[in-house]
Amino acid sequence: QRRVHGIKIDAQGHDSEVVAGFGSFLPKFKCVIGEFDIRPGIEGYEGAENKSVDYRKILKGFGFKHVELGLWVNTRYEKDFLESNYMCTAWDINVVHWRILSTLGIPKSKWPKQNTGIVR
């Protein structure tokens, strides 16, 4: 049985509404990637300025932390991120492993020795 570990949202400026629509299913994801902070007026993103949903509050409420760009990681899955080969990525999001570990507040002494993107 395959599991979905993360979700990449690209809803033309309405990613916040998509996050809200996941509701109680959201904590099942380890990673959420989206274009949450699209500026109004960009072609193809009409209506993006109508932000009636606070995606930050929703994600934080379910235990997610913002890493960078559009990447949020679920703190409930900290042990999975300690695996040297575990990443959250999409074609337009390329975050090095150590950045995720640092965001989660994991001490460097616990980081895996491979694939962290830094030299110890």
PDB file of N, CA and C in Angstrom:
ATOM      1  N   GLN A   1       0.841  -1.176   0.000  1.00  0.00           N
ATOM      2  CA  GLN A   1       0.000   0.000   0.000  1.00  0.00           C
ATOM      3  C   GLN A   1       0.891   1.246   0.000  1.00  0.00           C
ATOM      4  N   ARG A   2       0.630   2.166  -0.919  1.00  0.00           N
ATOM      5  CA  ARG A   2       1.399   3.402  -1.000  1.00  0.00           C
ATOM      6  C   ARG A   2       0.687   4.494  -0.221  1.00  0.00           C
ATOM      7  N   ARG A   3       1.500   5.350   0.402  1.00  0.00           N
ATOM      8  CA  ARG A   3       0.948   6.469   1.156  1.00  0.00           C
ATOM      9  C   ARG A   3       1.395   7.769   0.524  1.00  0.00           C
ATOM     10  N   VAL A   4       0.560   8.762   0.611  1.00  0.00           N
ATOM     11  CA  VAL A   4       0.916  10.104   0.183  1.00  0.00           C
ATOM     12  C   VAL A   4       1.526  10.803   1.386  1.00  0.00           C
ATOM     13  N   HIS A   5       2.757  11.283   1.226  1.00  0.00           N
ATOM     14  CA  HIS A   5       3.449  11.920   2.346  1.00  0.00           C
ATOM     15  C   HIS A   5       3.353  13.437   2.315  1.00  0.00           C
ATOM     16  N   GLY A   6       3.111  13.972   1.149  1.00  0.00           N
ATOM     17  CA  GLY A   6       3.047  15.414   1.031  1.00  0.00           C
ATOM     18  C   GLY A   6       2.116  15.818  -0.091  1.00  0.00           C
ATOM     19  N   ILE A   7       1.845  17.094  -0.133  1.00  0.00           N
ATOM     20  CA  ILE A   7       0.958  17.618  -1.174  1.00  0.00           C
ATOM     21  C   ILE A   7       1.569  18.882  -1.748  1.00  0.00           C
ATOM     22  N   LYS A   8       1.535  18.995  -3.061  1.00  0.00           N
ATOM     23  CA  LYS A   8       1.971  20.196  -3.773  1.00  0.00           C
ATOM     24  C   LYS A   8       0.714  20.842  -4.330  1.00  0.00           C
ATOM     25  N   ILE A   9       0.442  22.048  -3.886  1.00  0.00           N
ATOM     26  CA  ILE A   9      -0.763  22.762  -4.300  1.00  0.00           C
ATOM     27  C   ILE A   9      -0.373  23.849  -5.291  1.00  0.00           C
ATOM     28  N   ASP A  10      -1.096  23.926  -6.391  1.00  0.00           N
ATOM     29  CA  ASP A  10      -0.900  24.999  -7.372  1.00  0.00           C
ATOM     30  C   ASP A  10      -2.269  25.372  -7.905  1.00  0.00           C
ATOM     31  N   ALA A  11      -2.950  26.219  -7.158  1.00  0.00           N
ATOM     32  CA  ALA A  11      -4.339  26.574  -7.460  1.00  0.00           C
ATOM     33  C   ALA A  11      -4.466  28.026  -7.913  1.00  0.00           C
ATOM     34  N   GLN A  12      -3.446  28.498  -8.630  1.00  0.00           N
ATOM     35  CA  GLN A  12      -3.484  29.839  -9.225  1.00  0.00           C
ATOM     36  C   GLN A  12      -3.872  30.930  -8.226  1.00  0.00           C
ATOM     37  N   GLY A  13      -3.187  30.929  -7.081  1.00  0.00           N
ATOM     38  CA  GLY A  13      -3.412  31.978  -6.097  1.00  0.00           C
ATOM     39  C   GLY A  13      -4.465  31.657  -5.060  1.00  0.00           C
ATOM     40  N   HIS A  14      -5.051  30.476  -5.157  1.00  0.00           N
ATOM     41  CA  HIS A  14      -6.102  30.092  -4.204  1.00  0.00           C
ATOM     42  C   HIS A  14      -5.658  28.909  -3.346  1.00  0.00           C
ATOM     43  N   ASP A  15      -4.370  28.800  -3.132  1.00  0.00           N
ATOM     44  CA  ASP A  15      -3.820  27.691  -2.365  1.00  0.00           C
ATOM     45  C   ASP A  15      -4.309  27.699  -0.918  1.00  0.00           C
ATOM     46  N   SER A  16      -4.539  28.881  -0.366  1.00  0.00           N
ATOM     47  CA  SER A  16      -5.042  28.982   1.006  1.00  0.00           C
ATOM     48  C   SER A  16      -6.385  28.289   1.157  1.00  0.00           C
ATOM     49  N   GLU A  17      -7.241  28.485   0.178  1.00  0.00           N
ATOM     50  CA  GLU A  17      -8.559  27.869   0.215  1.00  0.00           C
ATOM     51  C   GLU A  17      -8.455  26.347   0.105  1.00  0.00           C
ATOM     52  N   VAL A  18      -7.497  25.870  -0.673  1.00  0.00           N
ATOM     53  CA  VAL A  18      -7.285  24.424  -0.800  1.00  0.00           C
ATOM     54  C   VAL A  18      -6.848  23.845   0.544  1.00  0.00           C
ATOM     55  N   VAL A  19      -5.925  24.532   1.227  1.00  0.00           N
ATOM     56  CA  VAL A  19      -5.475  24.084   2.552  1.00  0.00           C
ATOM     57  C   VAL A  19      -6.672  23.993   3.494  1.00  0.00           C
ATOM     58  N   ALA A  20      -7.512  24.996   3.485  1.00  0.00           N
ATOM     59  CA  ALA A  20      -8.692  24.996   4.357  1.00  0.00           C
ATOM     60  C   ALA A  20      -9.606  23.820   4.027  1.00  0.00           C
ATOM     61  N   GLY A  21      -9.694  23.476   2.757  1.00  0.00           N
ATOM     62  CA  GLY A  21     -10.557  22.382   2.329  1.00  0.00           C
ATOM     63  C   GLY A  21     -10.101  21.010   2.799  1.00  0.00           C
ATOM     64  N   PHE A  22      -8.821  20.853   3.096  1.00  0.00           N
ATOM     65  CA  PHE A  22      -8.331  19.570   3.592  1.00  0.00           C
ATOM     66  C   PHE A  22      -8.840  19.273   4.992  1.00  0.00           C
ATOM     67  N   GLY A  23      -9.107  20.327   5.759  1.00  0.00           N
ATOM     68  CA  GLY A  23      -9.653  20.161   7.104  1.00  0.00           C
ATOM     69  C   GLY A  23      -8.848  19.198   7.954  1.00  0.00           C
ATOM     70  N   SER A  24      -9.530  18.266   8.601  1.00  0.00           N
ATOM     71  CA  SER A  24      -8.873  17.345   9.529  1.00  0.00           C
ATOM     72  C   SER A  24      -7.988  16.310   8.833  1.00  0.00           C
ATOM     73  N   PHE A  25      -7.993  16.277   7.505  1.00  0.00           N
ATOM     74  CA  PHE A  25      -7.121  15.377   6.752  1.00  0.00           C
ATOM     75  C   PHE A  25      -5.699  15.935   6.661  1.00  0.00           C
ATOM     76  N   LEU A  26      -5.546  17.240   6.847  1.00  0.00           N
ATOM     77  CA  LEU A  26      -4.257  17.923   6.707  1.00  0.00           C
ATOM     78  C   LEU A  26      -3.136  17.331   7.574  1.00  0.00           C
ATOM     79  N   PRO A  27      -3.368  16.941   8.827  1.00  0.00           N
ATOM     80  CA  PRO A  27      -2.280  16.406   9.652  1.00  0.00           C
ATOM     81  C   PRO A  27      -1.681  15.100   9.135  1.00  0.00           C
ATOM     82  N   LYS A  28      -2.330  14.439   8.199  1.00  0.00           N
ATOM     83  CA  LYS A  28      -1.793  13.197   7.644  1.00  0.00           C
ATOM     84  C   LYS A  28      -0.592  13.451   6.738  1.00  0.00           C
ATOM     85  N   PHE A  29      -0.434  14.693   6.272  1.00  0.00           N
ATOM     86  CA  PHE A  29       0.677  15.046   5.397  1.00  0.00           C
ATOM     87  C   PHE A  29       1.901  15.442   6.201  1.00  0.00           C
ATOM     88  N   LYS A  30       3.071  15.043   5.718  1.00  0.00           N
ATOM     89  CA  LYS A  30       4.331  15.442   6.330  1.00  0.00           C
ATOM     90  C   LYS A  30       4.779  16.790   5.787  1.00  0.00           C
ATOM     91  N   CYS A  31       4.418  17.070   4.534  1.00  0.00           N
ATOM     92  CA  CYS A  31       4.844  18.304   3.869  1.00  0.00           C
ATOM     93  C   CYS A  31       3.670  18.909   3.109  1.00  0.00           C
ATOM     94  N   VAL A  32       3.614  20.223   3.111  1.00  0.00           N
ATOM     95  CA  VAL A  32       2.673  20.957   2.268  1.00  0.00           C
ATOM     96  C   VAL A  32       3.484  22.000   1.512  1.00  0.00           C
ATOM     97  N   ILE A  33       3.371  21.967   0.197  1.00  0.00           N
ATOM     98  CA  ILE A  33       4.060  22.937  -0.653  1.00  0.00           C
ATOM     99  C   ILE A  33       3.004  23.682  -1.447  1.00  0.00           C
ATOM    100  N   GLY A  34       3.100  25.014  -1.447  1.00  0.00           N
ATOM    101  CA  GLY A  34       2.119  25.800  -2.185  1.00  0.00           C
ATOM    102  C   GLY A  34       2.625  27.183  -2.519  1.00  0.00           C
ATOM    103  N   GLU A  35       1.866  27.848  -3.359  1.00  0.00           N
ATOM    104  CA  GLU A  35       2.156  29.237  -3.746  1.00  0.00           C
ATOM    105  C   GLU A  35       1.238  30.137  -2.925  1.00  0.00           C
ATOM    106  N   PHE A  36       1.558  30.258  -1.651  1.00  0.00           N
ATOM    107  CA  PHE A  36       0.642  30.922  -0.726  1.00  0.00           C
ATOM    108  C   PHE A  36       0.694  32.438  -0.762  1.00  0.00           C
ATOM    109  N   ASP A  37       1.807  33.017  -1.123  1.00  0.00           N
ATOM    110  CA  ASP A  37       1.951  34.469  -1.042  1.00  0.00           C
ATOM    111  C   ASP A  37       2.061  35.123  -2.418  1.00  0.00           C
ATOM    112  N   ILE A  38       1.150  34.785  -3.294  1.00  0.00           N
ATOM    113  CA  ILE A  38       1.112  35.379  -4.630  1.00  0.00           C
ATOM    114  C   ILE A  38       0.621  36.818  -4.511  1.00  0.00           C
ATOM    115  N   ARG A  39       1.331  37.711  -5.165  1.00  0.00           N
ATOM    116  CA  ARG A  39       0.937  39.126  -5.147  1.00  0.00           C
ATOM    117  C   ARG A  39      -0.238  39.355  -6.094  1.00  0.00           C
ATOM    118  N   PRO A  40      -1.172  40.206  -5.698  1.00  0.00           N
ATOM    119  CA  PRO A  40      -2.300  40.534  -6.566  1.00  0.00           C
ATOM    120  C   PRO A  40      -1.833  41.155  -7.880  1.00  0.00           C
ATOM    121  N   GLY A  41      -2.588  40.911  -8.922  1.00  0.00           N
ATOM    122  CA  GLY A  41      -2.311  41.527 -10.206  1.00  0.00           C
ATOM    123  C   GLY A  41      -1.454  40.701 -11.155  1.00  0.00           C
ATOM    124  N   ILE A  42      -0.934  39.575 -10.700  1.00  0.00           N
ATOM    125  CA  ILE A  42      -0.147  38.718 -11.592  1.00  0.00           C
ATOM    126  C   ILE A  42      -1.109  37.964 -12.498  1.00  0.00           C
ATOM    127  N   GLU A  43      -0.850  38.004 -13.792  1.00  0.00           N
ATOM    128  CA  GLU A  43      -1.728  37.361 -14.763  1.00  0.00           C
ATOM    129  C   GLU A  43      -1.918  35.888 -14.426  1.00  0.00           C
ATOM    130  N   GLY A  44      -3.159  35.448 -14.475  1.00  0.00           N
ATOM    131  CA  GLY A  44      -3.477  34.066 -14.171  1.00  0.00           C
ATOM    132  C   GLY A  44      -3.830  33.823 -12.714  1.00  0.00           C
ATOM    133  N   TYR A  45      -3.683  34.864 -11.893  1.00  0.00           N
ATOM    134  CA  TYR A  45      -3.954  34.717 -10.470  1.00  0.00           C
ATOM    135  C   TYR A  45      -5.069  35.670 -10.032  1.00  0.00           C
ATOM    136  N   GLU A  46      -6.020  35.901 -10.902  1.00  0.00           N
ATOM    137  CA  GLU A  46      -7.119  36.792 -10.564  1.00  0.00           C
ATOM    138  C   GLU A  46      -7.850  36.269  -9.330  1.00  0.00           C
ATOM    139  N   GLY A  47      -8.157  37.144  -8.427  1.00  0.00           N
ATOM    140  CA  GLY A  47      -8.863  36.773  -7.205  1.00  0.00           C
ATOM    141  C   GLY A  47      -7.945  36.371  -6.076  1.00  0.00           C
ATOM    142  N   ALA A  48      -6.652  36.312  -6.349  1.00  0.00           N
ATOM    143  CA  ALA A  48      -5.709  35.877  -5.314  1.00  0.00           C
ATOM    144  C   ALA A  48      -5.662  36.850  -4.148  1.00  0.00           C
ATOM    145  N   GLU A  49      -6.048  38.098  -4.402  1.00  0.00           N
ATOM    146  CA  GLU A  49      -5.988  39.092  -3.330  1.00  0.00           C
ATOM    147  C   GLU A  49      -7.132  38.922  -2.332  1.00  0.00           C
ATOM    148  N   ASN A  50      -8.128  38.124  -2.668  1.00  0.00           N
ATOM    149  CA  ASN A  50      -9.255  37.896  -1.771  1.00  0.00           C
ATOM    150  C   ASN A  50      -8.912  36.783  -0.783  1.00  0.00           C
ATOM    151  N   LYS A  51      -8.070  37.093   0.176  1.00  0.00           N
ATOM    152  CA  LYS A  51      -7.596  36.092   1.135  1.00  0.00           C
ATOM    153  C   LYS A  51      -8.499  36.050   2.356  1.00  0.00           C
ATOM    154  N   SER A  52      -9.566  35.302   2.246  1.00  0.00           N
ATOM    155  CA  SER A  52     -10.478  35.164   3.381  1.00  0.00           C
ATOM    156  C   SER A  52     -10.031  34.037   4.305  1.00  0.00           C
ATOM    157  N   VAL A  53      -9.003  33.282   3.884  1.00  0.00           N
ATOM    158  CA  VAL A  53      -8.517  32.144   4.657  1.00  0.00           C
ATOM    159  C   VAL A  53      -7.088  32.422   5.123  1.00  0.00           C
ATOM    160  N   ASP A  54      -6.826  32.226   6.406  1.00  0.00           N
ATOM    161  CA  ASP A  54      -5.486  32.410   6.948  1.00  0.00           C
ATOM    162  C   ASP A  54      -4.777  31.054   6.966  1.00  0.00           C
ATOM    163  N   TYR A  55      -4.072  30.742   5.880  1.00  0.00           N
ATOM    164  CA  TYR A  55      -3.405  29.446   5.762  1.00  0.00           C
ATOM    165  C   TYR A  55      -2.354  29.251   6.855  1.00  0.00           C
ATOM    166  N   ARG A  56      -1.700  30.343   7.275  1.00  0.00           N
ATOM    167  CA  ARG A  56      -0.673  30.232   8.322  1.00  0.00           C
ATOM    168  C   ARG A  56      -1.285  29.710   9.622  1.00  0.00           C
ATOM    169  N   LYS A  57      -2.420  30.263   9.984  1.00  0.00           N
ATOM    170  CA  LYS A  57      -3.108  29.845  11.212  1.00  0.00           C
ATOM    171  C   LYS A  57      -3.545  28.386  11.121  1.00  0.00           C
ATOM    172  N   ILE A  58      -4.048  27.992   9.968  1.00  0.00           N
ATOM    173  CA  ILE A  58      -4.489  26.605   9.777  1.00  0.00           C
ATOM    174  C   ILE A  58      -3.310  25.649   9.887  1.00  0.00           C
ATOM    175  N   LEU A  59      -2.244  25.936   9.123  1.00  0.00           N
ATOM    176  CA  LEU A  59      -1.081  25.041   9.128  1.00  0.00           C
ATOM    177  C   LEU A  59      -0.429  24.974  10.513  1.00  0.00           C
ATOM    178  N   LYS A  60      -0.245  26.109  11.144  1.00  0.00           N
ATOM    179  CA  LYS A  60       0.344  26.117  12.492  1.00  0.00           C
ATOM    180  C   LYS A  60      -0.539  25.364  13.483  1.00  0.00           C
ATOM    181  N   GLY A  61      -1.845  25.505  13.320  1.00  0.00           N
ATOM    182  CA  GLY A  61      -2.789  24.811  14.201  1.00  0.00           C
ATOM    183  C   GLY A  61      -2.697  23.297  14.109  1.00  0.00           C
ATOM    184  N   PHE A  62      -2.256  22.801  12.967  1.00  0.00           N
ATOM    185  CA  PHE A  62      -2.090  21.359  12.784  1.00  0.00           C
ATOM    186  C   PHE A  62      -0.645  20.913  12.984  1.00  0.00           C
ATOM    187  N   GLY A  63       0.210  21.792  13.516  1.00  0.00           N
ATOM    188  CA  GLY A  63       1.566  21.409  13.857  1.00  0.00           C
ATOM    189  C   GLY A  63       2.603  21.602  12.769  1.00  0.00           C
ATOM    190  N   PHE A  64       2.299  22.378  11.750  1.00  0.00           N
ATOM    191  CA  PHE A  64       3.257  22.631  10.675  1.00  0.00           C
ATOM    192  C   PHE A  64       4.133  23.833  11.005  1.00  0.00           C
ATOM    193  N   LYS A  65       5.364  23.797  10.490  1.00  0.00           N
ATOM    194  CA  LYS A  65       6.284  24.928  10.596  1.00  0.00           C
ATOM    195  C   LYS A  65       6.718  25.337   9.198  1.00  0.00           C
ATOM    196  N   HIS A  66       6.848  26.638   8.996  1.00  0.00           N
ATOM    197  CA  HIS A  66       7.285  27.173   7.717  1.00  0.00           C
ATOM    198  C   HIS A  66       8.798  27.044   7.594  1.00  0.00           C
ATOM    199  N   VAL A  67       9.269  26.424   6.513  1.00  0.00           N
ATOM    200  CA  VAL A  67      10.700  26.252   6.292  1.00  0.00           C
ATOM    201  C   VAL A  67      11.214  27.413   5.459  1.00  0.00           C
ATOM    202  N   GLU A  68      10.764  27.512   4.236  1.00  0.00           N
ATOM    203  CA  GLU A  68      11.097  28.628   3.358  1.00  0.00           C
ATOM    204  C   GLU A  68      10.246  28.516   2.104  1.00  0.00           C
ATOM    205  N   LEU A  69      10.242  29.600   1.338  1.00  0.00           N
ATOM    206  CA  LEU A  69       9.421  29.648   0.126  1.00  0.00           C
ATOM    207  C   LEU A  69       8.029  29.133   0.459  1.00  0.00           C
ATOM    208  N   GLY A  70       7.535  28.155  -0.251  1.00  0.00           N
ATOM    209  CA  GLY A  70       6.193  27.648   0.005  1.00  0.00           C
ATOM    210  C   GLY A  70       6.166  26.339   0.751  1.00  0.00           C
ATOM    211  N   LEU A  71       7.261  25.977   1.422  1.00  0.00           N
ATOM    212  CA  LEU A  71       7.338  24.675   2.095  1.00  0.00           C
ATOM    213  C   LEU A  71       7.009  24.772   3.579  1.00  0.00           C
ATOM    214  N   TRP A  72       6.078  23.925   4.000  1.00  0.00           N
ATOM    215  CA  TRP A  72       5.706  23.767   5.396  1.00  0.00           C
ATOM    216  C   TRP A  72       5.876  22.288   5.753  1.00  0.00           C
ATOM    217  N   VAL A  73       6.446  22.006   6.929  1.00  0.00           N
ATOM    218  CA  VAL A  73       6.634  20.618   7.360  1.00  0.00           C
ATOM    219  C   VAL A  73       5.889  20.374   8.669  1.00  0.00           C
ATOM    220  N   ASN A  74       5.397  19.147   8.810  1.00  0.00           N
ATOM    221  CA  ASN A  74       4.605  18.770   9.967  1.00  0.00           C
ATOM    222  C   ASN A  74       5.526  18.282  11.086  1.00  0.00           C
ATOM    223  N   THR A  75       5.495  18.968  12.213  1.00  0.00           N
ATOM    224  CA  THR A  75       6.368  18.634  13.336  1.00  0.00           C
ATOM    225  C   THR A  75       6.058  17.268  13.937  1.00  0.00           C
ATOM    226  N   ARG A  76       4.890  16.737  13.662  1.00  0.00           N
ATOM    227  CA  ARG A  76       4.531  15.414  14.189  1.00  0.00           C
ATOM    228  C   ARG A  76       5.370  14.296  13.569  1.00  0.00           C
ATOM    229  N   TYR A  77       6.017  14.604  12.449  1.00  0.00           N
ATOM    230  CA  TYR A  77       6.798  13.590  11.738  1.00  0.00           C
ATOM    231  C   TYR A  77       8.293  13.874  11.829  1.00  0.00           C
ATOM    232  N   GLU A  78       8.725  14.458  12.921  1.00  0.00           N
ATOM    233  CA  GLU A  78      10.130  14.824  13.097  1.00  0.00           C
ATOM    234  C   GLU A  78      11.067  13.643  12.860  1.00  0.00           C
ATOM    235  N   LYS A  79      10.714  12.456  13.365  1.00  0.00           N
ATOM    236  CA  LYS A  79      11.598  11.288  13.219  1.00  0.00           C
ATOM    237  C   LYS A  79      11.803  10.910  11.749  1.00  0.00           C
ATOM    238  N   ASP A  80      10.801  11.127  10.918  1.00  0.00           N
ATOM    239  CA  ASP A  80      10.946  10.825   9.495  1.00  0.00           C
ATOM    240  C   ASP A  80      11.949  11.760   8.828  1.00  0.00           C
ATOM    241  N   PHE A  81      11.985  12.992   9.261  1.00  0.00           N
ATOM    242  CA  PHE A  81      12.926  13.951   8.689  1.00  0.00           C
ATOM    243  C   PHE A  81      14.362  13.684   9.144  1.00  0.00           C
ATOM    244  N   LEU A  82      14.516  12.910  10.183  1.00  0.00           N
ATOM    245  CA  LEU A  82      15.856  12.539  10.642  1.00  0.00           C
ATOM    246  C   LEU A  82      16.485  11.455   9.763  1.00  0.00           C
ATOM    247  N   GLU A  83      15.673  10.794   8.952  1.00  0.00           N
ATOM    248  CA  GLU A  83      16.220   9.824   8.013  1.00  0.00           C
ATOM    249  C   GLU A  83      17.014  10.584   6.957  1.00  0.00           C
ATOM    250  N   SER A  84      18.197  10.105   6.649  1.00  0.00           N
ATOM    251  CA  SER A  84      19.099  10.854   5.768  1.00  0.00           C
ATOM    252  C   SER A  84      18.576  11.023   4.354  1.00  0.00           C
ATOM    253  N   ASN A  85      17.618  10.210   3.944  1.00  0.00           N
ATOM    254  CA  ASN A  85      17.140  10.298   2.562  1.00  0.00           C
ATOM    255  C   ASN A  85      15.735  10.891   2.460  1.00  0.00           C
ATOM    256  N   TYR A  86      15.211  11.427   3.535  1.00  0.00           N
ATOM    257  CA  TYR A  86      13.838  11.939   3.489  1.00  0.00           C
ATOM    258  C   TYR A  86      13.822  13.426   3.156  1.00  0.00           C
ATOM    259  N   MET A  87      13.074  13.786   2.136  1.00  0.00           N
ATOM    260  CA  MET A  87      12.973  15.179   1.698  1.00  0.00           C
ATOM    261  C   MET A  87      11.542  15.524   1.315  1.00  0.00           C
ATOM    262  N   CYS A  88      11.258  16.797   1.328  1.00  0.00           N
ATOM    263  CA  CYS A  88      10.025  17.348   0.782  1.00  0.00           C
ATOM    264  C   CYS A  88      10.454  18.258  -0.351  1.00  0.00           C
ATOM    265  N   THR A  89      10.055  17.930  -1.544  1.00  0.00           N
ATOM    266  CA  THR A  89      10.510  18.732  -2.669  1.00  0.00           C
ATOM    267  C   THR A  89       9.496  18.694  -3.802  1.00  0.00           C
ATOM    268  N   ALA A  90       9.582  19.664  -4.658  1.00  0.00           N
ATOM    269  CA  ALA A  90       8.796  19.726  -5.882  1.00  0.00           C
ATOM    270  C   ALA A  90       9.685  20.374  -6.929  1.00  0.00           C
ATOM    271  N   TRP A  91       9.270  20.368  -8.153  1.00  0.00           N
ATOM    272  CA  TRP A  91      10.131  20.880  -9.223  1.00  0.00           C
ATOM    273  C   TRP A  91      10.533  22.326  -8.985  1.00  0.00           C
ATOM    274  N   ASP A  92       9.685  23.107  -8.315  1.00  0.00           N
ATOM    275  CA  ASP A  92       9.991  24.520  -8.095  1.00  0.00           C
ATOM    276  C   ASP A  92      10.408  24.829  -6.654  1.00  0.00           C
ATOM    277  N   ILE A  93      10.519  23.824  -5.818  1.00  0.00           N
ATOM    278  CA  ILE A  93      10.960  23.981  -4.435  1.00  0.00           C
ATOM    279  C   ILE A  93      12.113  23.001  -4.216  1.00  0.00           C
ATOM    280  N   ASN A  94      13.276  23.521  -3.891  1.00  0.00           N
ATOM    281  CA  ASN A  94      14.436  22.676  -3.672  1.00  0.00           C
ATOM    282  C   ASN A  94      15.123  23.133  -2.385  1.00  0.00           C
ATOM    283  N   VAL A  95      14.727  22.546  -1.286  1.00  0.00           N
ATOM    284  CA  VAL A  95      15.226  22.933   0.028  1.00  0.00           C
ATOM    285  C   VAL A  95      16.210  21.870   0.508  1.00  0.00           C
ATOM    286  N   VAL A  96      17.364  22.298   0.983  1.00  0.00           N
ATOM    287  CA  VAL A  96      18.335  21.332   1.496  1.00  0.00           C
ATOM    288  C   VAL A  96      17.854  20.750   2.825  1.00  0.00           C
ATOM    289  N   HIS A  97      18.232  19.519   3.064  1.00  0.00           N
ATOM    290  CA  HIS A  97      17.765  18.757   4.217  1.00  0.00           C
ATOM    291  C   HIS A  97      18.048  19.464   5.547  1.00  0.00           C
ATOM    292  N   TRP A  98      19.238  20.049   5.682  1.00  0.00           N
ATOM    293  CA  TRP A  98      19.585  20.688   6.954  1.00  0.00           C
ATOM    294  C   TRP A  98      18.637  21.830   7.295  1.00  0.00           C
ATOM    295  N   ARG A  99      18.063  22.478   6.285  1.00  0.00           N
ATOM    296  CA  ARG A  99      17.140  23.600   6.527  1.00  0.00           C
ATOM    297  C   ARG A  99      15.865  23.095   7.206  1.00  0.00           C
ATOM    298  N   ILE A 100      15.397  21.932   6.783  1.00  0.00           N
ATOM    299  CA  ILE A 100      14.207  21.341   7.407  1.00  0.00           C
ATOM    300  C   ILE A 100      14.522  20.958   8.852  1.00  0.00           C
ATOM    301  N   LEU A 101      15.653  20.295   9.062  1.00  0.00           N
ATOM    302  CA  LEU A 101      16.035  19.872  10.410  1.00  0.00           C
ATOM    303  C   LEU A 101      16.202  21.077  11.340  1.00  0.00           C
ATOM    304  N   SER A 102      16.796  22.121  10.829  1.00  0.00           N
ATOM    305  CA  SER A 102      16.994  23.334  11.614  1.00  0.00           C
ATOM    306  C   SER A 102      15.649  23.970  11.980  1.00  0.00           C
ATOM    307  N   THR A 103      14.736  24.041  11.029  1.00  0.00           N
ATOM    308  CA  THR A 103      13.412  24.615  11.273  1.00  0.00           C
ATOM    309  C   THR A 103      12.662  23.832  12.343  1.00  0.00           C
ATOM    310  N   LEU A 104      12.838  22.514  12.337  1.00  0.00           N
ATOM    311  CA  LEU A 104      12.168  21.676  13.328  1.00  0.00           C
ATOM    312  C   LEU A 104      12.824  21.770  14.706  1.00  0.00           C
ATOM    313  N   GLY A 105      13.966  22.464  14.782  1.00  0.00           N
ATOM    314  CA  GLY A 105      14.639  22.634  16.065  1.00  0.00           C
ATOM    315  C   GLY A 105      15.410  21.404  16.514  1.00  0.00           C
ATOM    316  N   ILE A 106      15.756  20.545  15.567  1.00  0.00           N
ATOM    317  CA  ILE A 106      16.508  19.334  15.893  1.00  0.00           C
ATOM    318  C   ILE A 106      17.976  19.708  16.069  1.00  0.00           C
ATOM    319  N   PRO A 107      18.574  19.374  17.199  1.00  0.00           N
ATOM    320  CA  PRO A 107      19.988  19.715  17.422  1.00  0.00           C
ATOM    321  C   PRO A 107      20.893  19.045  16.384  1.00  0.00           C
ATOM    322  N   LYS A 108      21.946  19.745  15.986  1.00  0.00           N
ATOM    323  CA  LYS A 108      22.870  19.223  14.981  1.00  0.00           C
ATOM    324  C   LYS A 108      23.465  17.885  15.378  1.00  0.00           C
ATOM    325  N   SER A 109      23.604  17.637  16.655  1.00  0.00           N
ATOM    326  CA  SER A 109      24.168  16.366  17.109  1.00  0.00           C
ATOM    327  C   SER A 109      23.298  15.164  16.731  1.00  0.00           C
ATOM    328  N   LYS A 110      22.030  15.400  16.434  1.00  0.00           N
ATOM    329  CA  LYS A 110      21.113  14.324  16.053  1.00  0.00           C
ATOM    330  C   LYS A 110      20.934  14.196  14.540  1.00  0.00           C
ATOM    331  N   TRP A 111      21.474  15.132  13.778  1.00  0.00           N
ATOM    332  CA  TRP A 111      21.305  15.101  12.329  1.00  0.00           C
ATOM    333  C   TRP A 111      22.011  13.894  11.732  1.00  0.00           C
ATOM    334  N   PRO A 112      21.440  13.305  10.699  1.00  0.00           N
ATOM    335  CA  PRO A 112      22.137  12.214  10.013  1.00  0.00           C
ATOM    336  C   PRO A 112      23.403  12.740   9.357  1.00  0.00           C
ATOM    337  N   LYS A 113      24.377  11.879   9.181  1.00  0.00           N
ATOM    338  CA  LYS A 113      25.664  12.311   8.631  1.00  0.00           C
ATOM    339  C   LYS A 113      25.664  12.460   7.116  1.00  0.00           C
ATOM    340  N   GLN A 114      24.619  11.985   6.456  1.00  0.00           N
ATOM    341  CA  GLN A 114      24.551  12.066   4.996  1.00  0.00           C
ATOM    342  C   GLN A 114      23.434  13.004   4.564  1.00  0.00           C
ATOM    343  N   ASN A 115      23.585  13.584   3.399  1.00  0.00           N
ATOM    344  CA  ASN A 115      22.548  14.353   2.711  1.00  0.00           C
ATOM    345  C   ASN A 115      22.031  15.583   3.446  1.00  0.00           C
ATOM    346  N   THR A 116      22.780  16.117   4.401  1.00  0.00           N
ATOM    347  CA  THR A 116      22.318  17.310   5.088  1.00  0.00           C
ATOM    348  C   THR A 116      22.740  18.581   4.371  1.00  0.00           C
ATOM    349  N   GLY A 117      23.654  18.455   3.430  1.00  0.00           N
ATOM    350  CA  GLY A 117      24.090  19.629   2.688  1.00  0.00           C
ATOM    351  C   GLY A 117      25.136  20.452   3.407  1.00  0.00           C
ATOM    352  N   ILE A 118      25.627  19.965   4.533  1.00  0.00           N
ATOM    353  CA  ILE A 118      26.677  20.680   5.259  1.00  0.00           C
ATOM    354  C   ILE A 118      27.795  19.701   5.626  1.00  0.00           C
ATOM    355  N   VAL A 119      28.934  20.237   5.897  1.00  0.00           N
ATOM    356  CA  VAL A 119      30.073  19.427   6.333  1.00  0.00           C
ATOM    357  C   VAL A 119      30.160  19.561   7.843  1.00  0.00           C
ATOM    358  N   ARG A 120      30.293  18.447   8.532  1.00  0.00           N
ATOM    359  CA  ARG A 120      30.396  18.480   9.994  1.00  0.00           C
ATOM    360  C   ARG A 120      31.827  18.652  10.413  1.00  0.00           C
TER     361      ARG A 120
END
